[in-house]
């Protein structure tokens, strides 16, 4: 196509020559096959609610480590960006999100993996009886009535409910009372 444009011109212009040079330079890159996000396979995802980990990765895991251990990511944002809570690695086909810049992990229902506690199948009452929420002093001031916060050895577990069932869980590295509002 570029050669046809040049052939029509009696005297090739500088713009036409630049276009030809760009085409020759970029042609190999255009034919190279890249592996798009999400095409690599991950081992089955296993969430340990008691430890606050996904396949052994906690919310403080660096972005490079998350991507190396879970190469099946479907998207991501560089750390320090102004959106996606400052960046992270995302697994949309699993409903799993590592927000590595702010150091929290989010798992949404329906989760495509295994949970050590079937958080999304149990009633709110049954979950709270087992997990024992932090109480008013351990609750951030931005929490809504749909949120419950549980102090864990590793930080804070947030459960967000829709009616009687959890729709989302988050693992934070910080204590529940010290959480900033990530919304």
Foldseek 3Di string as FASTA:
>chain_A
DLVVVQVPDPDDDPVSVVVVVVCVVCVVVVPDDDDAAQPDDADFWEAEPQVCDIVNDHLQDAQVVCCVNGVRFNDKDDACDPDPLRMHTHRVVQQWTRRNNQRKIKHFPPGRHHYPDPQQPDWQVVVCVVQPFPPDQQAAPPDDPQWTWGQHPQAIKIFGDDHGGTGMIMGHRHGNHPDDDSD
